[in-house]
Amino acid sequence: MGSEQTSATAPTWCPSGEAGAPESVVLGVRSAADGRVVYLADPVPAPEVLSTLPDGIEPTRVLRFASHCVSACVNRRGDDCALVERVLALPAADPDARAVPRCHLRNRCQWWQQTGVDACHRCPAVTTATFREDELATLVADPSTTPEQLAAWIRDSA
């Protein structure tokens, strides 16, 4: 056995995690041009970055964090993440894309383990912070929203 953890006991990571979690790392930076996440080549511990942000800047407005998936999360349903199910209801940014974004989290990512490449195609568009003026992002973030409700909103908004 030794000191190595098996994949059954190692925690999975949430790519839309909490900035303040002890293990939290910065996954990426939101682009000012289109709001999509640009992934970092290597993880950076969140405390190292949080201490450098100017006062008044909400960290989740400019950064995406990854932290352990926890059973107490509002998006947790058994062993699955309901947030990724809502994210998958969104259209892919480029439905013809075959390449997935480079991501240092993938081998430990709950979304990847649960849904595979489909989540990767939508992940860069996910923001941790939602803003009142972005109704779709607010719906995706709401744990009570069903994928069917999202599909209906997208259909009715087209």
N, C-alpha and C. Protein backbone atom coordinates (compact mmCIF):
# COMPACT_ATOMS: atom_id res chain seq x y z
N MET A 1 0.83 -1.19 0.00
CA MET A 1 0.00 0.00 0.00
C MET A 1 0.87 1.26 0.00
N GLY A 2 1.74 1.43 0.99
CA GLY A 2 2.60 2.60 1.00
C GLY A 2 1.83 3.88 1.28
N SER A 3 2.44 5.01 0.90
CA SER A 3 1.80 6.30 1.17
C SER A 3 1.09 6.86 -0.05
N GLU A 4 1.09 6.13 -1.15
CA GLU A 4 0.42 6.62 -2.34
C GLU A 4 -1.09 6.49 -2.19
N GLN A 5 -1.79 7.52 -2.70
CA GLN A 5 -3.25 7.47 -2.71
C GLN A 5 -3.69 6.81 -4.00
N THR A 6 -4.73 6.01 -3.92
CA THR A 6 -5.30 5.46 -5.13
C THR A 6 -6.30 6.46 -5.67
N SER A 7 -6.68 6.30 -6.94
CA SER A 7 -7.64 7.23 -7.52
C SER A 7 -8.98 7.15 -6.82
N ALA A 8 -9.27 6.03 -6.15
CA ALA A 8 -10.54 5.90 -5.44
C ALA A 8 -10.56 6.79 -4.20
N THR A 9 -9.38 7.08 -3.61
CA THR A 9 -9.36 7.90 -2.41
C THR A 9 -8.89 9.32 -2.67
N ALA A 10 -8.24 9.57 -3.78
CA ALA A 10 -7.79 10.92 -4.09
C ALA A 10 -9.00 11.78 -4.46
N PRO A 11 -9.04 13.01 -3.93
CA PRO A 11 -10.19 13.86 -4.25
C PRO A 11 -10.16 14.31 -5.71
N THR A 12 -11.34 14.47 -6.27
CA THR A 12 -11.41 15.11 -7.58
C THR A 12 -11.42 16.62 -7.35
N TRP A 13 -11.15 17.34 -8.40
CA TRP A 13 -11.07 18.79 -8.32
C TRP A 13 -12.19 19.42 -9.11
N CYS A 14 -12.70 20.52 -8.59
CA CYS A 14 -13.73 21.30 -9.26
C CYS A 14 -13.06 22.42 -10.04
N PRO A 15 -13.32 22.53 -11.35
CA PRO A 15 -12.73 23.60 -12.14
C PRO A 15 -13.45 24.95 -11.96
N SER A 16 -14.43 24.98 -11.08
CA SER A 16 -15.12 26.22 -10.74
C SER A 16 -15.14 26.32 -9.21
N GLY A 17 -13.96 26.16 -8.63
CA GLY A 17 -13.82 26.02 -7.19
C GLY A 17 -13.80 27.33 -6.42
N GLU A 18 -13.65 27.15 -5.13
CA GLU A 18 -13.64 28.26 -4.18
C GLU A 18 -12.24 28.84 -4.03
N ALA A 19 -12.12 30.14 -4.14
CA ALA A 19 -10.82 30.81 -4.01
C ALA A 19 -10.23 30.64 -2.62
N GLY A 20 -11.08 30.57 -1.62
CA GLY A 20 -10.59 30.52 -0.25
C GLY A 20 -10.32 29.14 0.30
N ALA A 21 -10.54 28.10 -0.47
CA ALA A 21 -10.26 26.75 0.02
C ALA A 21 -8.75 26.60 0.23
N PRO A 22 -8.34 25.87 1.26
CA PRO A 22 -6.90 25.78 1.56
C PRO A 22 -6.05 25.26 0.40
N GLU A 23 -6.58 24.37 -0.40
CA GLU A 23 -5.83 23.78 -1.51
C GLU A 23 -6.04 24.52 -2.83
N SER A 24 -6.82 25.57 -2.83
CA SER A 24 -7.22 26.26 -4.05
C SER A 24 -6.02 26.74 -4.87
N VAL A 25 -6.17 26.57 -6.19
CA VAL A 25 -5.16 27.07 -7.13
C VAL A 25 -5.86 27.90 -8.19
N VAL A 26 -5.10 28.78 -8.83
CA VAL A 26 -5.63 29.55 -9.94
C VAL A 26 -5.58 28.65 -11.16
N LEU A 27 -6.72 28.43 -11.78
CA LEU A 27 -6.83 27.61 -12.99
C LEU A 27 -6.54 28.46 -14.22
N GLY A 28 -7.05 29.69 -14.21
CA GLY A 28 -6.86 30.55 -15.37
C GLY A 28 -7.27 31.98 -15.08
N VAL A 29 -7.11 32.81 -16.10
CA VAL A 29 -7.42 34.23 -16.03
C VAL A 29 -8.49 34.52 -17.07
N ARG A 30 -9.48 35.31 -16.70
CA ARG A 30 -10.52 35.69 -17.65
C ARG A 30 -9.98 36.76 -18.60
N SER A 31 -10.19 36.54 -19.87
CA SER A 31 -9.75 37.48 -20.89
C SER A 31 -10.65 38.70 -20.87
N ALA A 32 -10.03 39.87 -20.96
CA ALA A 32 -10.82 41.10 -21.01
C ALA A 32 -11.57 41.22 -22.33
N ALA A 33 -11.05 40.59 -23.37
CA ALA A 33 -11.66 40.72 -24.69
C ALA A 33 -13.01 40.04 -24.78
N ASP A 34 -13.11 38.79 -24.34
CA ASP A 34 -14.36 38.06 -24.49
C ASP A 34 -14.84 37.37 -23.22
N GLY A 35 -14.11 37.51 -22.13
CA GLY A 35 -14.52 36.92 -20.85
C GLY A 35 -14.20 35.45 -20.71
N ARG A 36 -13.66 34.83 -21.76
CA ARG A 36 -13.32 33.41 -21.69
C ARG A 36 -12.06 33.23 -20.84
N VAL A 37 -11.91 32.04 -20.29
CA VAL A 37 -10.76 31.74 -19.46
C VAL A 37 -9.57 31.34 -20.33
N VAL A 38 -8.43 31.92 -20.02
CA VAL A 38 -7.16 31.52 -20.61
C VAL A 38 -6.45 30.75 -19.50
N TYR A 39 -6.18 29.48 -19.75
CA TYR A 39 -5.62 28.61 -18.71
C TYR A 39 -4.14 28.86 -18.50
N LEU A 40 -3.72 28.78 -17.24
CA LEU A 40 -2.31 28.89 -16.91
C LEU A 40 -1.62 27.57 -17.27
N ALA A 41 -0.35 27.65 -17.61
CA ALA A 41 0.41 26.43 -17.94
C ALA A 41 0.62 25.57 -16.71
N ASP A 42 0.78 26.19 -15.55
CA ASP A 42 0.98 25.47 -14.29
C ASP A 42 0.12 26.11 -13.21
N PRO A 43 -0.33 25.30 -12.26
CA PRO A 43 -1.16 25.87 -11.19
C PRO A 43 -0.35 26.81 -10.30
N VAL A 44 -1.03 27.82 -9.80
CA VAL A 44 -0.42 28.76 -8.87
C VAL A 44 -1.31 28.75 -7.62
N PRO A 45 -0.73 28.53 -6.44
CA PRO A 45 -1.55 28.54 -5.23
C PRO A 45 -2.33 29.86 -5.12
N ALA A 46 -3.60 29.74 -4.84
CA ALA A 46 -4.47 30.92 -4.78
C ALA A 46 -3.97 32.00 -3.82
N PRO A 47 -3.49 31.66 -2.61
CA PRO A 47 -3.04 32.73 -1.71
C PRO A 47 -1.95 33.61 -2.30
N GLU A 48 -1.09 33.04 -3.14
CA GLU A 48 -0.02 33.82 -3.77
C GLU A 48 -0.58 34.88 -4.70
N VAL A 49 -1.69 34.58 -5.34
CA VAL A 49 -2.29 35.50 -6.31
C VAL A 49 -3.26 36.45 -5.62
N LEU A 50 -4.05 35.94 -4.71
CA LEU A 50 -5.06 36.77 -4.04
C LEU A 50 -4.44 37.97 -3.35
N SER A 51 -3.26 37.77 -2.78
CA SER A 51 -2.61 38.87 -2.06
C SER A 51 -2.12 39.98 -3.00
N THR A 52 -2.08 39.71 -4.30
CA THR A 52 -1.58 40.72 -5.25
C THR A 52 -2.70 41.51 -5.93
N LEU A 53 -3.94 41.09 -5.74
CA LEU A 53 -5.05 41.79 -6.40
C LEU A 53 -5.31 43.14 -5.73
N PRO A 54 -5.58 44.16 -6.52
CA PRO A 54 -5.90 45.47 -5.94
C PRO A 54 -7.17 45.40 -5.10
N ASP A 55 -7.24 46.24 -4.08
CA ASP A 55 -8.44 46.34 -3.26
C ASP A 55 -9.64 46.65 -4.14
N GLY A 56 -10.77 46.02 -3.84
CA GLY A 56 -12.00 46.28 -4.57
C GLY A 56 -12.21 45.38 -5.78
N ILE A 57 -11.22 44.58 -6.14
CA ILE A 57 -11.37 43.66 -7.27
C ILE A 57 -11.83 42.31 -6.73
N GLU A 58 -13.00 41.89 -7.16
CA GLU A 58 -13.53 40.58 -6.77
C GLU A 58 -12.69 39.52 -7.50
N PRO A 59 -12.01 38.63 -6.77
CA PRO A 59 -11.13 37.65 -7.42
C PRO A 59 -11.81 36.83 -8.51
N THR A 60 -13.06 36.43 -8.29
CA THR A 60 -13.74 35.60 -9.28
C THR A 60 -14.17 36.38 -10.51
N ARG A 61 -14.04 37.69 -10.48
CA ARG A 61 -14.34 38.49 -11.67
C ARG A 61 -13.23 38.35 -12.70
N VAL A 62 -12.00 38.10 -12.24
CA VAL A 62 -10.86 38.06 -13.15
C VAL A 62 -10.14 36.71 -13.19
N LEU A 63 -10.42 35.84 -12.22
CA LEU A 63 -9.70 34.57 -12.14
C LEU A 63 -10.67 33.40 -12.01
N ARG A 64 -10.24 32.23 -12.46
CA ARG A 64 -10.97 30.98 -12.20
C ARG A 64 -10.11 30.15 -11.27
N PHE A 65 -10.74 29.58 -10.28
CA PHE A 65 -10.05 28.78 -9.27
C PHE A 65 -10.48 27.33 -9.37
N ALA A 66 -9.59 26.46 -8.93
CA ALA A 66 -9.90 25.05 -8.81
C ALA A 66 -9.64 24.66 -7.36
N SER A 67 -10.52 23.84 -6.83
CA SER A 67 -10.35 23.32 -5.47
C SER A 67 -11.00 21.95 -5.41
N HIS A 68 -10.81 21.27 -4.30
CA HIS A 68 -11.39 19.93 -4.16
C HIS A 68 -12.91 19.97 -4.28
N CYS A 69 -13.46 18.96 -4.95
CA CYS A 69 -14.91 18.76 -4.93
C CYS A 69 -15.26 18.26 -3.53
N VAL A 70 -16.26 18.84 -2.95
CA VAL A 70 -16.64 18.46 -1.59
C VAL A 70 -18.10 18.03 -1.56
N SER A 71 -18.40 17.10 -0.69
CA SER A 71 -19.76 16.55 -0.62
C SER A 71 -20.78 17.61 -0.18
N ALA A 72 -20.35 18.66 0.51
CA ALA A 72 -21.27 19.69 0.98
C ALA A 72 -21.60 20.73 -0.09
N CYS A 73 -21.01 20.64 -1.26
CA CYS A 73 -21.25 21.61 -2.32
C CYS A 73 -22.73 21.57 -2.75
N VAL A 74 -23.31 22.74 -3.01
CA VAL A 74 -24.71 22.81 -3.44
C VAL A 74 -24.91 22.15 -4.80
N ASN A 75 -23.84 22.00 -5.56
CA ASN A 75 -23.94 21.38 -6.88
C ASN A 75 -23.69 19.87 -6.86
N ARG A 76 -23.39 19.33 -5.71
CA ARG A 76 -23.08 17.91 -5.60
C ARG A 76 -24.37 17.09 -5.53
N ARG A 77 -24.42 16.03 -6.32
CA ARG A 77 -25.54 15.10 -6.29
C ARG A 77 -24.94 13.69 -6.29
N GLY A 78 -24.85 13.11 -5.10
CA GLY A 78 -24.17 11.82 -4.97
C GLY A 78 -22.70 12.00 -5.29
N ASP A 79 -22.19 11.23 -6.25
CA ASP A 79 -20.80 11.36 -6.67
C ASP A 79 -20.64 12.29 -7.86
N ASP A 80 -21.74 12.87 -8.35
CA ASP A 80 -21.71 13.68 -9.56
C ASP A 80 -21.84 15.17 -9.26
N CYS A 81 -21.42 15.96 -10.23
CA CYS A 81 -21.56 17.41 -10.18
C CYS A 81 -22.72 17.81 -11.09
N ALA A 82 -23.74 18.43 -10.50
CA ALA A 82 -24.89 18.88 -11.29
C ALA A 82 -24.55 20.14 -12.07
N LEU A 83 -23.55 20.91 -11.63
CA LEU A 83 -23.17 22.12 -12.37
C LEU A 83 -22.70 21.76 -13.77
N VAL A 84 -21.87 20.73 -13.90
CA VAL A 84 -21.38 20.38 -15.23
C VAL A 84 -22.52 19.92 -16.13
N GLU A 85 -23.55 19.33 -15.55
CA GLU A 85 -24.72 18.94 -16.36
C GLU A 85 -25.40 20.18 -16.92
N ARG A 86 -25.47 21.26 -16.12
CA ARG A 86 -26.06 22.51 -16.62
C ARG A 86 -25.13 23.16 -17.65
N VAL A 87 -23.83 23.09 -17.40
CA VAL A 87 -22.86 23.64 -18.34
C VAL A 87 -22.98 22.94 -19.69
N LEU A 88 -23.21 21.63 -19.69
CA LEU A 88 -23.33 20.88 -20.94
C LEU A 88 -24.60 21.24 -21.71
N ALA A 89 -25.55 21.87 -21.06
CA ALA A 89 -26.76 22.31 -21.76
C ALA A 89 -26.46 23.52 -22.64
N LEU A 90 -25.34 24.18 -22.39
CA LEU A 90 -24.95 25.34 -23.19
C LEU A 90 -24.35 24.86 -24.52
N PRO A 91 -24.54 25.63 -25.57
CA PRO A 91 -23.90 25.25 -26.82
C PRO A 91 -22.38 25.41 -26.71
N ALA A 92 -21.65 24.53 -27.36
CA ALA A 92 -20.20 24.64 -27.38
C ALA A 92 -19.82 25.91 -28.14
N ALA A 93 -18.75 26.57 -27.71
CA ALA A 93 -18.31 27.81 -28.37
C ALA A 93 -18.00 27.55 -29.84
N ASP A 94 -17.35 26.43 -30.11
CA ASP A 94 -17.03 26.04 -31.49
C ASP A 94 -17.40 24.57 -31.64
N PRO A 95 -18.63 24.30 -32.13
CA PRO A 95 -19.10 22.91 -32.20
C PRO A 95 -18.22 22.00 -33.06
N ASP A 96 -17.42 22.58 -33.96
CA ASP A 96 -16.56 21.77 -34.82
C ASP A 96 -15.16 21.56 -34.24
N ALA A 97 -14.89 22.17 -33.09
CA ALA A 97 -13.55 22.06 -32.50
C ALA A 97 -13.26 20.63 -32.07
N ARG A 98 -12.10 20.17 -32.41
CA ARG A 98 -11.66 18.84 -31.98
C ARG A 98 -10.66 18.94 -30.84
N ALA A 99 -9.85 19.99 -30.86
CA ALA A 99 -8.85 20.17 -29.82
C ALA A 99 -9.51 20.66 -28.53
N VAL A 100 -8.99 20.23 -27.43
CA VAL A 100 -9.47 20.71 -26.13
C VAL A 100 -8.43 21.66 -25.56
N PRO A 101 -8.86 22.61 -24.75
CA PRO A 101 -7.90 23.55 -24.17
C PRO A 101 -6.87 22.80 -23.33
N ARG A 102 -5.64 23.31 -23.34
CA ARG A 102 -4.61 22.74 -22.48
C ARG A 102 -5.00 23.05 -21.04
N CYS A 103 -4.94 22.05 -20.17
CA CYS A 103 -5.41 22.24 -18.79
C CYS A 103 -4.62 21.34 -17.85
N HIS A 104 -4.01 21.93 -16.84
CA HIS A 104 -3.23 21.15 -15.88
C HIS A 104 -4.11 20.39 -14.90
N LEU A 105 -5.39 20.64 -14.90
CA LEU A 105 -6.30 20.01 -13.95
C LEU A 105 -6.92 18.71 -14.47
N ARG A 106 -6.89 18.50 -15.76
CA ARG A 106 -7.69 17.46 -16.41
C ARG A 106 -7.63 16.07 -15.74
N ASN A 107 -6.47 15.58 -15.41
CA ASN A 107 -6.40 14.22 -14.87
C ASN A 107 -7.02 14.08 -13.49
N ARG A 108 -7.32 15.20 -12.84
CA ARG A 108 -7.97 15.18 -11.52
C ARG A 108 -9.34 15.84 -11.54
N CYS A 109 -9.78 16.31 -12.70
CA CYS A 109 -10.99 17.12 -12.83
C CYS A 109 -12.27 16.29 -12.72
N GLN A 110 -13.16 16.72 -11.84
CA GLN A 110 -14.46 16.06 -11.69
C GLN A 110 -15.24 16.12 -12.99
N TRP A 111 -15.25 17.27 -13.67
CA TRP A 111 -16.02 17.43 -14.90
C TRP A 111 -15.51 16.49 -15.98
N TRP A 112 -14.18 16.40 -16.12
CA TRP A 112 -13.57 15.50 -17.12
C TRP A 112 -13.94 14.05 -16.79
N GLN A 113 -13.80 13.66 -15.54
CA GLN A 113 -14.09 12.28 -15.15
C GLN A 113 -15.56 11.95 -15.34
N GLN A 114 -16.41 12.92 -15.16
CA GLN A 114 -17.85 12.71 -15.25
C GLN A 114 -18.36 12.75 -16.69
N THR A 115 -17.84 13.66 -17.51
CA THR A 115 -18.44 13.86 -18.84
C THR A 115 -17.44 13.82 -19.99
N GLY A 116 -16.16 13.83 -19.69
CA GLY A 116 -15.17 13.78 -20.75
C GLY A 116 -15.02 15.10 -21.50
N VAL A 117 -14.68 14.98 -22.76
CA VAL A 117 -14.28 16.11 -23.58
C VAL A 117 -15.39 17.16 -23.75
N ASP A 118 -16.63 16.78 -23.65
CA ASP A 118 -17.72 17.75 -23.84
C ASP A 118 -17.61 18.91 -22.85
N ALA A 119 -17.27 18.61 -21.61
CA ALA A 119 -17.12 19.68 -20.62
C ALA A 119 -15.94 20.58 -20.96
N CYS A 120 -14.87 20.00 -21.49
CA CYS A 120 -13.67 20.79 -21.83
C CYS A 120 -13.97 21.83 -22.90
N HIS A 121 -14.86 21.51 -23.81
CA HIS A 121 -15.19 22.46 -24.87
C HIS A 121 -15.98 23.65 -24.34
N ARG A 122 -16.63 23.50 -23.21
CA ARG A 122 -17.44 24.58 -22.65
C ARG A 122 -16.77 25.27 -21.46
N CYS A 123 -15.81 24.61 -20.85
CA CYS A 123 -15.17 25.10 -19.63
C CYS A 123 -14.61 26.52 -19.74
N PRO A 124 -13.96 26.91 -20.83
CA PRO A 124 -13.40 28.27 -20.88
C PRO A 124 -14.45 29.38 -20.77
N ALA A 125 -15.70 29.08 -21.07
CA ALA A 125 -16.75 30.09 -21.00
C ALA A 125 -17.37 30.19 -19.61
N VAL A 126 -17.04 29.27 -18.72
CA VAL A 126 -17.64 29.26 -17.38
C VAL A 126 -16.97 30.33 -16.51
N THR A 127 -17.79 31.10 -15.84
CA THR A 127 -17.29 32.08 -14.89
C THR A 127 -17.77 31.69 -13.50
N THR A 128 -16.94 31.91 -12.51
CA THR A 128 -17.35 31.62 -11.14
C THR A 128 -18.28 32.70 -10.64
N ALA A 129 -17.98 33.94 -10.98
CA ALA A 129 -18.84 35.06 -10.59
C ALA A 129 -19.92 35.22 -11.65
N THR A 130 -21.15 35.41 -11.20
CA THR A 130 -22.22 35.72 -12.13
C THR A 130 -22.71 37.13 -11.85
N PHE A 131 -23.17 37.77 -12.88
CA PHE A 131 -23.59 39.15 -12.77
C PHE A 131 -25.05 39.25 -13.18
N ARG A 132 -25.79 40.10 -12.49
CA ARG A 132 -27.24 40.18 -12.72
C ARG A 132 -27.60 40.40 -14.18
N GLU A 133 -26.77 41.12 -14.90
CA GLU A 133 -27.09 41.41 -16.29
C GLU A 133 -26.89 40.20 -17.20
N ASP A 134 -26.25 39.14 -16.72
CA ASP A 134 -26.01 37.94 -17.51
C ASP A 134 -26.98 36.85 -17.07
N GLU A 135 -28.18 36.89 -17.61
CA GLU A 135 -29.24 35.97 -17.19
C GLU A 135 -28.87 34.51 -17.41
N LEU A 136 -28.24 34.19 -18.54
CA LEU A 136 -27.88 32.81 -18.82
C LEU A 136 -26.86 32.29 -17.80
N ALA A 137 -25.82 33.06 -17.50
CA ALA A 137 -24.82 32.64 -16.51
C ALA A 137 -25.46 32.47 -15.14
N THR A 138 -26.40 33.33 -14.81
CA THR A 138 -27.10 33.22 -13.53
C THR A 138 -27.92 31.93 -13.48
N LEU A 139 -28.57 31.59 -14.58
CA LEU A 139 -29.33 30.33 -14.62
C LEU A 139 -28.42 29.12 -14.49
N VAL A 140 -27.29 29.13 -15.17
CA VAL A 140 -26.35 28.01 -15.10
C VAL A 140 -25.83 27.84 -13.68
N ALA A 141 -25.55 28.94 -13.00
CA ALA A 141 -25.00 28.88 -11.64
C ALA A 141 -26.02 28.44 -10.60
N ASP A 142 -27.30 28.58 -10.89
CA ASP A 142 -28.35 28.26 -9.92
C ASP A 142 -28.57 26.74 -9.84
N PRO A 143 -28.29 26.13 -8.68
CA PRO A 143 -28.44 24.67 -8.56
C PRO A 143 -29.86 24.17 -8.81
N SER A 144 -30.86 25.04 -8.73
CA SER A 144 -32.24 24.58 -8.96
C SER A 144 -32.61 24.56 -10.44
N THR A 145 -31.75 25.12 -11.31
CA THR A 145 -32.03 25.13 -12.74
C THR A 145 -31.75 23.76 -13.34
N THR A 146 -32.67 23.28 -14.14
CA THR A 146 -32.49 21.98 -14.80
C THR A 146 -31.90 22.19 -16.20
N PRO A 147 -31.24 21.18 -16.75
CA PRO A 147 -30.76 21.29 -18.13
C PRO A 147 -31.90 21.58 -19.12
N GLU A 148 -33.08 21.06 -18.84
CA GLU A 148 -34.23 21.31 -19.71
C GLU A 148 -34.63 22.78 -19.68
N GLN A 149 -34.58 23.41 -18.51
CA GLN A 149 -34.88 24.83 -18.41
C GLN A 149 -33.86 25.66 -19.18
N LEU A 150 -32.59 25.26 -19.10
CA LEU A 150 -31.56 25.96 -19.85
C LEU A 150 -31.79 25.83 -21.35
N ALA A 151 -32.10 24.63 -21.79
CA ALA A 151 -32.35 24.41 -23.22
C ALA A 151 -33.52 25.27 -23.69
N ALA A 152 -34.56 25.36 -22.89
CA ALA A 152 -35.72 26.19 -23.24
C ALA A 152 -35.35 27.67 -23.30
N TRP A 153 -34.55 28.14 -22.33
CA TRP A 153 -34.12 29.54 -22.33
C TRP A 153 -33.30 29.83 -23.59
N ILE A 154 -32.37 28.94 -23.92
CA ILE A 154 -31.53 29.12 -25.11
C ILE A 154 -32.38 29.13 -26.37
N ARG A 155 -33.31 28.20 -26.45
CA ARG A 155 -34.21 28.12 -27.63
C ARG A 155 -35.04 29.38 -27.75
N ASP A 156 -35.61 29.85 -26.64
CA ASP A 156 -36.49 31.02 -26.66
C ASP A 156 -35.73 32.32 -26.88
N SER A 157 -34.42 32.33 -26.60
CA SER A 157 -33.62 33.53 -26.76
C SER A 157 -33.00 33.64 -28.14
N ALA A 158 -33.09 32.58 -28.91
CA ALA A 158 -32.43 32.58 -30.23
C ALA A 158 -33.20 33.40 -31.24
